[in-house]
PDB file of N, CA and C in Angstrom:
ATOM      1  N   MET A   1     107.893  36.336  86.817  1.00  0.00           N
ATOM      2  CA  MET A   1     107.100  37.365  87.449  1.00  0.00           C
ATOM      3  C   MET A   1     107.558  38.739  86.986  1.00  0.00           C
ATOM      4  N   LEU A   2     108.864  38.900  86.834  1.00  0.00           N
ATOM      5  CA  LEU A   2     109.363  40.192  86.367  1.00  0.00           C
ATOM      6  C   LEU A   2     108.929  40.464  84.927  1.00  0.00           C
ATOM      7  N   ILE A   3     108.866  39.421  84.116  1.00  0.00           N
ATOM      8  CA  ILE A   3     108.414  39.586  82.738  1.00  0.00           C
ATOM      9  C   ILE A   3     106.948  40.029  82.714  1.00  0.00           C
ATOM     10  N   LEU A   4     106.114  39.397  83.560  1.00  0.00           N
ATOM     11  CA  LEU A   4     104.705  39.801  83.631  1.00  0.00           C
ATOM     12  C   LEU A   4     104.572  41.239  84.115  1.00  0.00           C
ATOM     13  N   THR A   5     105.420  41.637  85.065  1.00  0.00           N
ATOM     14  CA  THR A   5     105.397  43.022  85.556  1.00  0.00           C
ATOM     15  C   THR A   5     105.731  43.987  84.430  1.00  0.00           C
ATOM     16  N   PHE A   6     106.776  43.662  83.677  1.00  0.00           N
ATOM     17  CA  PHE A   6     107.172  44.509  82.553  1.00  0.00           C
ATOM     18  C   PHE A   6     106.047  44.582  81.513  1.00  0.00           C
ATOM     19  N   LEU A   7     105.431  43.424  81.217  1.00  0.00           N
ATOM     20  CA  LEU A   7     104.340  43.406  80.246  1.00  0.00           C
ATOM     21  C   LEU A   7     103.155  44.248  80.699  1.00  0.00           C
ATOM     22  N   GLU A   8     102.847  44.188  81.989  1.00  0.00           N
ATOM     23  CA  GLU A   8     101.723  44.998  82.479  1.00  0.00           C
ATOM     24  C   GLU A   8     102.011  46.480  82.312  1.00  0.00           C
ATOM     25  N   LEU A   9     103.237  46.886  82.621  1.00  0.00           N
ATOM     26  CA  LEU A   9     103.582  48.296  82.501  1.00  0.00           C
ATOM     27  C   LEU A   9     103.553  48.755  81.036  1.00  0.00           C
ATOM     28  N   LYS A  10     103.973  47.892  80.127  1.00  0.00           N
ATOM     29  CA  LYS A  10     104.035  48.275  78.713  1.00  0.00           C
ATOM     30  C   LYS A  10     102.682  48.166  78.009  1.00  0.00           C
ATOM     31  N   THR A  11     101.923  47.116  78.297  1.00  0.00           N
ATOM     32  CA  THR A  11     100.668  46.895  77.575  1.00  0.00           C
ATOM     33  C   THR A  11      99.452  47.465  78.293  1.00  0.00           C
ATOM     34  N   LYS A  12      99.640  47.855  79.536  1.00  0.00           N
ATOM     35  CA  LYS A  12      98.559  48.384  80.380  1.00  0.00           C
ATOM     36  C   LYS A  12      97.448  47.354  80.617  1.00  0.00           C
ATOM     37  N   LYS A  13      97.767  46.068  80.468  1.00  0.00           N
ATOM     38  CA  LYS A  13      96.824  45.001  80.800  1.00  0.00           C
ATOM     39  C   LYS A  13      96.992  44.654  82.262  1.00  0.00           C
ATOM     40  N   ASP A  14      95.915  44.227  82.891  1.00  0.00           N
ATOM     41  CA  ASP A  14      95.952  43.894  84.314  1.00  0.00           C
ATOM     42  C   ASP A  14      96.453  42.458  84.492  1.00  0.00           C
ATOM     43  N   LEU A  15      97.708  42.316  84.905  1.00  0.00           N
ATOM     44  CA  LEU A  15      98.317  41.008  85.088  1.00  0.00           C
ATOM     45  C   LEU A  15      98.668  40.735  86.550  1.00  0.00           C
ATOM     46  N   LYS A  16      98.144  41.578  87.443  1.00  0.00           N
ATOM     47  CA  LYS A  16      98.492  41.428  88.870  1.00  0.00           C
ATOM     48  C   LYS A  16      98.075  40.076  89.437  1.00  0.00           C
ATOM     49  N   SER A  17      96.916  39.584  89.057  1.00  0.00           N
ATOM     50  CA  SER A  17      96.476  38.292  89.595  1.00  0.00           C
ATOM     51  C   SER A  17      97.365  37.156  89.086  1.00  0.00           C
ATOM     52  N   GLN A  18      97.855  37.261  87.853  1.00  0.00           N
ATOM     53  CA  GLN A  18      98.766  36.253  87.335  1.00  0.00           C
ATOM     54  C   GLN A  18     100.111  36.301  88.067  1.00  0.00           C
ATOM     55  N   ILE A  19     100.554  37.489  88.430  1.00  0.00           N
ATOM     56  CA  ILE A  19     101.814  37.635  89.156  1.00  0.00           C
ATOM     57  C   ILE A  19     101.692  37.001  90.540  1.00  0.00           C
ATOM     58  N   VAL A  20     100.589  37.264  91.229  1.00  0.00           N
ATOM     59  CA  VAL A  20     100.366  36.657  92.540  1.00  0.00           C
ATOM     60  C   VAL A  20     100.258  35.136  92.401  1.00  0.00           C
ATOM     61  N   SER A  21      99.584  34.678  91.347  1.00  0.00           N
ATOM     62  CA  SER A  21      99.456  33.232  91.117  1.00  0.00           C
ATOM     63  C   SER A  21     100.819  32.585  90.908  1.00  0.00           C
ATOM     64  N   MET A  22     101.707  33.265  90.207  1.00  0.00           N
ATOM     65  CA  MET A  22     103.069  32.731  90.030  1.00  0.00           C
ATOM     66  C   MET A  22     103.790  32.637  91.375  1.00  0.00           C
ATOM     67  N   GLY A  23     103.572  33.619  92.234  1.00  0.00           N
ATOM     68  CA  GLY A  23     104.170  33.579  93.564  1.00  0.00           C
ATOM     69  C   GLY A  23     103.639  32.418  94.383  1.00  0.00           C
ATOM     70  N   VAL A  24     102.334  32.171  94.293  1.00  0.00           N
ATOM     71  CA  VAL A  24     101.737  31.044  95.021  1.00  0.00           C
ATOM     72  C   VAL A  24     102.254  29.724  94.453  1.00  0.00           C
ATOM     73  N   LEU A  25     102.363  29.637  93.137  1.00  0.00           N
ATOM     74  CA  LEU A  25     102.922  28.434  92.519  1.00  0.00           C
ATOM     75  C   LEU A  25     104.349  28.198  93.016  1.00  0.00           C
ATOM     76  N   GLY A  26     105.127  29.258  93.091  1.00  0.00           N
ATOM     77  CA  GLY A  26     106.486  29.144  93.617  1.00  0.00           C
ATOM     78  C   GLY A  26     106.503  28.667  95.061  1.00  0.00           C
ATOM     79  N   THR A  27     105.494  29.065  95.817  1.00  0.00           N
ATOM     80  CA  THR A  27     105.384  28.611  97.203  1.00  0.00           C
ATOM     81  C   THR A  27     105.223  27.100  97.253  1.00  0.00           C
ATOM     82  N   PHE A  28     104.315  26.586  96.452  1.00  0.00           N
ATOM     83  CA  PHE A  28     104.101  25.134  96.432  1.00  0.00           C
ATOM     84  C   PHE A  28     105.318  24.390  95.904  1.00  0.00           C
ATOM     85  N   VAL A  29     105.976  24.948  94.903  1.00  0.00           N
ATOM     86  CA  VAL A  29     107.190  24.313  94.369  1.00  0.00           C
ATOM     87  C   VAL A  29     108.280  24.284  95.435  1.00  0.00           C
ATOM     88  N   GLY A  30     108.444  25.376  96.164  1.00  0.00           N
ATOM     89  CA  GLY A  30     109.443  25.418  97.226  1.00  0.00           C
ATOM     90  C   GLY A  30     109.177  24.398  98.319  1.00  0.00           C
ATOM     91  N   ILE A  31     107.929  24.289  98.721  1.00  0.00           N
ATOM     92  CA  ILE A  31     107.571  23.295  99.741  1.00  0.00           C
ATOM     93  C   ILE A  31     107.801  21.887  99.204  1.00  0.00           C
ATOM     94  N   PHE A  32     107.434  21.659  97.951  1.00  0.00           N
ATOM     95  CA  PHE A  32     107.648  20.361  97.328  1.00  0.00           C
ATOM     96  C   PHE A  32     109.139  20.005  97.304  1.00  0.00           C
ATOM     97  N   ILE A  33     109.976  20.969  96.922  1.00  0.00           N
ATOM     98  CA  ILE A  33     111.427  20.746  96.886  1.00  0.00           C
ATOM     99  C   ILE A  33     111.933  20.369  98.276  1.00  0.00           C
ATOM    100  N   GLY A  34     111.486  21.093  99.283  1.00  0.00           N
ATOM    101  CA  GLY A  34     111.920  20.811 100.648  1.00  0.00           C
ATOM    102  C   GLY A  34     111.496  19.440 101.127  1.00  0.00           C
ATOM    103  N   LEU A  35     110.307  19.017 100.750  1.00  0.00           N
ATOM    104  CA  LEU A  35     109.804  17.726 101.202  1.00  0.00           C
ATOM    105  C   LEU A  35     110.422  16.546 100.456  1.00  0.00           C
ATOM    106  N   GLN A  36     110.956  16.784  99.265  1.00  0.00           N
ATOM    107  CA  GLN A  36     111.560  15.695  98.501  1.00  0.00           C
ATOM    108  C   GLN A  36     112.748  15.077  99.232  1.00  0.00           C
ATOM    109  N   ALA A  37     113.503  15.877  99.925  1.00  0.00           N
ATOM    110  CA  ALA A  37     114.701  15.375 100.603  1.00  0.00           C
ATOM    111  C   ALA A  37     114.428  15.044 102.077  1.00  0.00           C
ATOM    112  N   PHE A  38     113.179  15.208 102.507  1.00  0.00           N
ATOM    113  CA  PHE A  38     112.857  14.964 103.918  1.00  0.00           C
ATOM    114  C   PHE A  38     112.838  13.470 104.216  1.00  0.00           C
ATOM    115  N   ASP A  39     113.527  13.104 105.276  1.00  0.00           N
ATOM    116  CA  ASP A  39     113.559  11.705 105.728  1.00  0.00           C
ATOM    117  C   ASP A  39     113.015  11.668 107.150  1.00  0.00           C
ATOM    118  N   PRO A  40     111.796  11.147 107.345  1.00  0.00           N
ATOM    119  CA  PRO A  40     111.218  11.122 108.690  1.00  0.00           C
ATOM    120  C   PRO A  40     112.019  10.278 109.676  1.00  0.00           C
ATOM    121  N   ASN A  41     112.859   9.407 109.154  1.00  0.00           N
ATOM    122  CA  ASN A  41     113.704   8.595 110.039  1.00  0.00           C
ATOM    123  C   ASN A  41     114.965   9.320 110.475  1.00  0.00           C
ATOM    124  N   ASP A  42     115.260  10.435 109.818  1.00  0.00           N
ATOM    125  CA  ASP A  42     116.456  11.220 110.150  1.00  0.00           C
ATOM    126  C   ASP A  42     116.097  12.704 110.122  1.00  0.00           C
ATOM    127  N   ILE A  43     115.223  13.092 111.024  1.00  0.00           N
ATOM    128  CA  ILE A  43     114.693  14.458 111.039  1.00  0.00           C
ATOM    129  C   ILE A  43     115.795  15.497 111.232  1.00  0.00           C
ATOM    130  N   THR A  44     116.748  15.208 112.094  1.00  0.00           N
ATOM    131  CA  THR A  44     117.807  16.178 112.383  1.00  0.00           C
ATOM    132  C   THR A  44     118.568  16.569 111.126  1.00  0.00           C
ATOM    133  N   ASN A  45     118.926  15.609 110.303  1.00  0.00           N
ATOM    134  CA  ASN A  45     119.679  15.913 109.088  1.00  0.00           C
ATOM    135  C   ASN A  45     118.780  16.359 107.933  1.00  0.00           C
ATOM    136  N   SER A  46     117.485  16.245 108.071  1.00  0.00           N
ATOM    137  CA  SER A  46     116.552  16.657 107.022  1.00  0.00           C
ATOM    138  C   SER A  46     116.117  18.111 107.163  1.00  0.00           C
ATOM    139  N   VAL A  47     116.353  18.699 108.299  1.00  0.00           N
ATOM    140  CA  VAL A  47     115.888  20.074 108.551  1.00  0.00           C
ATOM    141  C   VAL A  47     116.485  21.057 107.553  1.00  0.00           C
ATOM    142  N   ASN A  48     117.755  20.921 107.230  1.00  0.00           N
ATOM    143  CA  ASN A  48     118.395  21.853 106.298  1.00  0.00           C
ATOM    144  C   ASN A  48     117.712  21.834 104.935  1.00  0.00           C
ATOM    145  N   ASP A  49     117.380  20.650 104.435  1.00  0.00           N
ATOM    146  CA  ASP A  49     116.726  20.543 103.130  1.00  0.00           C
ATOM    147  C   ASP A  49     115.336  21.177 103.146  1.00  0.00           C
ATOM    148  N   ILE A  50     114.622  20.992 104.219  1.00  0.00           N
ATOM    149  CA  ILE A  50     113.292  21.606 104.318  1.00  0.00           C
ATOM    150  C   ILE A  50     113.424  23.130 104.355  1.00  0.00           C
ATOM    151  N   LEU A  51     114.407  23.632 105.079  1.00  0.00           N
ATOM    152  CA  LEU A  51     114.580  25.082 105.169  1.00  0.00           C
ATOM    153  C   LEU A  51     114.942  25.696 103.818  1.00  0.00           C
ATOM    154  N   VAL A  52     115.720  24.993 103.014  1.00  0.00           N
ATOM    155  CA  VAL A  52     116.051  25.494 101.678  1.00  0.00           C
ATOM    156  C   VAL A  52     114.771  25.621 100.844  1.00  0.00           C
ATOM    157  N   GLY A  53     113.920  24.612 100.901  1.00  0.00           N
ATOM    158  CA  GLY A  53     112.651  24.675 100.177  1.00  0.00           C
ATOM    159  C   GLY A  53     111.748  25.777 100.688  1.00  0.00           C
ATOM    160  N   LEU A  54     111.713  25.954 102.008  1.00  0.00           N
ATOM    161  CA  LEU A  54     110.873  27.007 102.582  1.00  0.00           C
ATOM    162  C   LEU A  54     111.387  28.396 102.218  1.00  0.00           C
ATOM    163  N   LYS A  55     112.705  28.547 102.104  1.00  0.00           N
ATOM    164  CA  LYS A  55     113.261  29.835 101.655  1.00  0.00           C
ATOM    165  C   LYS A  55     112.739  30.161 100.267  1.00  0.00           C
ATOM    166  N   THR A  56     112.755  29.173  99.382  1.00  0.00           N
ATOM    167  CA  THR A  56     112.226  29.371  98.031  1.00  0.00           C
ATOM    168  C   THR A  56     110.747  29.717  98.086  1.00  0.00           C
ATOM    169  N   ALA A  57     110.013  28.998  98.909  1.00  0.00           N
ATOM    170  CA  ALA A  57     108.571  29.222  99.025  1.00  0.00           C
ATOM    171  C   ALA A  57     108.266  30.643  99.478  1.00  0.00           C
ATOM    172  N   PHE A  58     108.896  31.079 100.544  1.00  0.00           N
ATOM    173  CA  PHE A  58     108.621  32.421 101.055  1.00  0.00           C
ATOM    174  C   PHE A  58     109.115  33.496 100.097  1.00  0.00           C
ATOM    175  N   PHE A  59     110.263  33.273  99.474  1.00  0.00           N
ATOM    176  CA  PHE A  59     110.805  34.265  98.549  1.00  0.00           C
ATOM    177  C   PHE A  59     109.854  34.513  97.382  1.00  0.00           C
ATOM    178  N   THR A  60     109.354  33.428  96.777  1.00  0.00           N
ATOM    179  CA  THR A  60     108.471  33.613  95.627  1.00  0.00           C
ATOM    180  C   THR A  60     107.153  34.273  96.030  1.00  0.00           C
ATOM    181  N   SER A  61     106.649  33.953  97.212  1.00  0.00           N
ATOM    182  CA  SER A  61     105.424  34.602  97.690  1.00  0.00           C
ATOM    183  C   SER A  61     105.654  36.091  97.915  1.00  0.00           C
ATOM    184  N   ILE A  62     106.756  36.426  98.546  1.00  0.00           N
ATOM    185  CA  ILE A  62     107.068  37.834  98.822  1.00  0.00           C
ATOM    186  C   ILE A  62     107.239  38.614  97.528  1.00  0.00           C
ATOM    187  N   VAL A  63     107.950  38.043  96.561  1.00  0.00           N
ATOM    188  CA  VAL A  63     108.162  38.736  95.282  1.00  0.00           C
ATOM    189  C   VAL A  63     106.835  38.927  94.553  1.00  0.00           C
ATOM    190  N   GLY A  64     106.021  37.892  94.482  1.00  0.00           N
ATOM    191  CA  GLY A  64     104.740  38.008  93.785  1.00  0.00           C
ATOM    192  C   GLY A  64     103.829  39.038  94.408  1.00  0.00           C
ATOM    193  N   MET A  65     103.702  39.008  95.710  1.00  0.00           N
ATOM    194  CA  MET A  65     102.820  39.967  96.387  1.00  0.00           C
ATOM    195  C   MET A  65     103.386  41.379  96.307  1.00  0.00           C
ATOM    196  N   SER A  66     104.701  41.511  96.413  1.00  0.00           N
ATOM    197  CA  SER A  66     105.326  42.841  96.340  1.00  0.00           C
ATOM    198  C   SER A  66     105.150  43.462  94.957  1.00  0.00           C
ATOM    199  N   LEU A  67     105.416  42.681  93.921  1.00  0.00           N
ATOM    200  CA  LEU A  67     105.259  43.216  92.564  1.00  0.00           C
ATOM    201  C   LEU A  67     103.810  43.610  92.289  1.00  0.00           C
ATOM    202  N   SER A  68     102.886  42.807  92.739  1.00  0.00           N
ATOM    203  CA  SER A  68     101.474  43.126  92.551  1.00  0.00           C
ATOM    204  C   SER A  68     101.104  44.419  93.281  1.00  0.00           C
ATOM    205  N   THR A  69     101.587  44.566  94.489  1.00  0.00           N
ATOM    206  CA  THR A  69     101.308  45.780  95.263  1.00  0.00           C
ATOM    207  C   THR A  69     101.935  47.005  94.614  1.00  0.00           C
ATOM    208  N   ILE A  70     103.165  46.870  94.148  1.00  0.00           N
ATOM    209  CA  ILE A  70     103.845  47.990  93.485  1.00  0.00           C
ATOM    210  C   ILE A  70     103.086  48.399  92.229  1.00  0.00           C
ATOM    211  N   LEU A  71     102.649  47.412  91.439  1.00  0.00           N
ATOM    212  CA  LEU A  71     101.881  47.730  90.233  1.00  0.00           C
ATOM    213  C   LEU A  71     100.565  48.416  90.571  1.00  0.00           C
ATOM    214  N   SER A  72      99.922  47.983  91.648  1.00  0.00           N
ATOM    215  CA  SER A  72      98.672  48.629  92.067  1.00  0.00           C
ATOM    216  C   SER A  72      98.910  50.081  92.446  1.00  0.00           C
ATOM    217  N   LEU A  73     100.006  50.327  93.148  1.00  0.00           N
ATOM    218  CA  LEU A  73     100.331  51.711  93.540  1.00  0.00           C
ATOM    219  C   LEU A  73     100.657  52.564  92.326  1.00  0.00           C
ATOM    220  N   ILE A  74     101.429  52.011  91.398  1.00  0.00           N
ATOM    221  CA  ILE A  74     101.753  52.759  90.168  1.00  0.00           C
ATOM    222  C   ILE A  74     100.477  53.100  89.421  1.00  0.00           C
ATOM    223  N   GLU A  75      99.584  52.125  89.295  1.00  0.00           N
ATOM    224  CA  GLU A  75      98.306  52.347  88.595  1.00  0.00           C
ATOM    225  C   GLU A  75      97.473  53.413  89.286  1.00  0.00           C
ATOM    226  N   LYS A  76      97.440  53.369  90.614  1.00  0.00           N
ATOM    227  CA  LYS A  76      96.647  54.342  91.364  1.00  0.00           C
ATOM    228  C   LYS A  76      97.177  55.757  91.175  1.00  0.00           C
ATOM    229  N   PHE A  77      98.514  55.916  91.236  1.00  0.00           N
ATOM    230  CA  PHE A  77      99.079  57.264  91.126  1.00  0.00           C
ATOM    231  C   PHE A  77      99.038  57.783  89.692  1.00  0.00           C
ATOM    232  N   LYS A  78      99.040  56.898  88.703  1.00  0.00           N
ATOM    233  CA  LYS A  78      98.910  57.346  87.312  1.00  0.00           C
ATOM    234  C   LYS A  78      97.508  57.850  87.023  1.00  0.00           C
ATOM    235  N   ASN A  79      96.512  57.272  87.701  1.00  0.00           N
ATOM    236  CA  ASN A  79      95.120  57.656  87.456  1.00  0.00           C
ATOM    237  C   ASN A  79      94.699  58.896  88.222  1.00  0.00           C
ATOM    238  N   GLU A  80      95.528  59.394  89.107  1.00  0.00           N
ATOM    239  CA  GLU A  80      95.149  60.600  89.886  1.00  0.00           C
ATOM    240  C   GLU A  80      95.523  61.860  89.160  1.00  0.00           C
TER     241      GLU A  80
END
């Protein structure tokens, strides 16, 4: 995502939707990671693994949306 952000700033191409898409992809990957270690027969000991995956999921979503928003603001202020 940081590479796409850098490329957008240097090439002036609109890559914000790709950055958000990478964040959404990271969300699904994080949820997938968390569910891989989930054992419905041992929910108490599986909670930690799910939380690790959810941390990844939320982190990638936050980074993708934040970078896209920052790029939009930079673009708006450059055009004024």
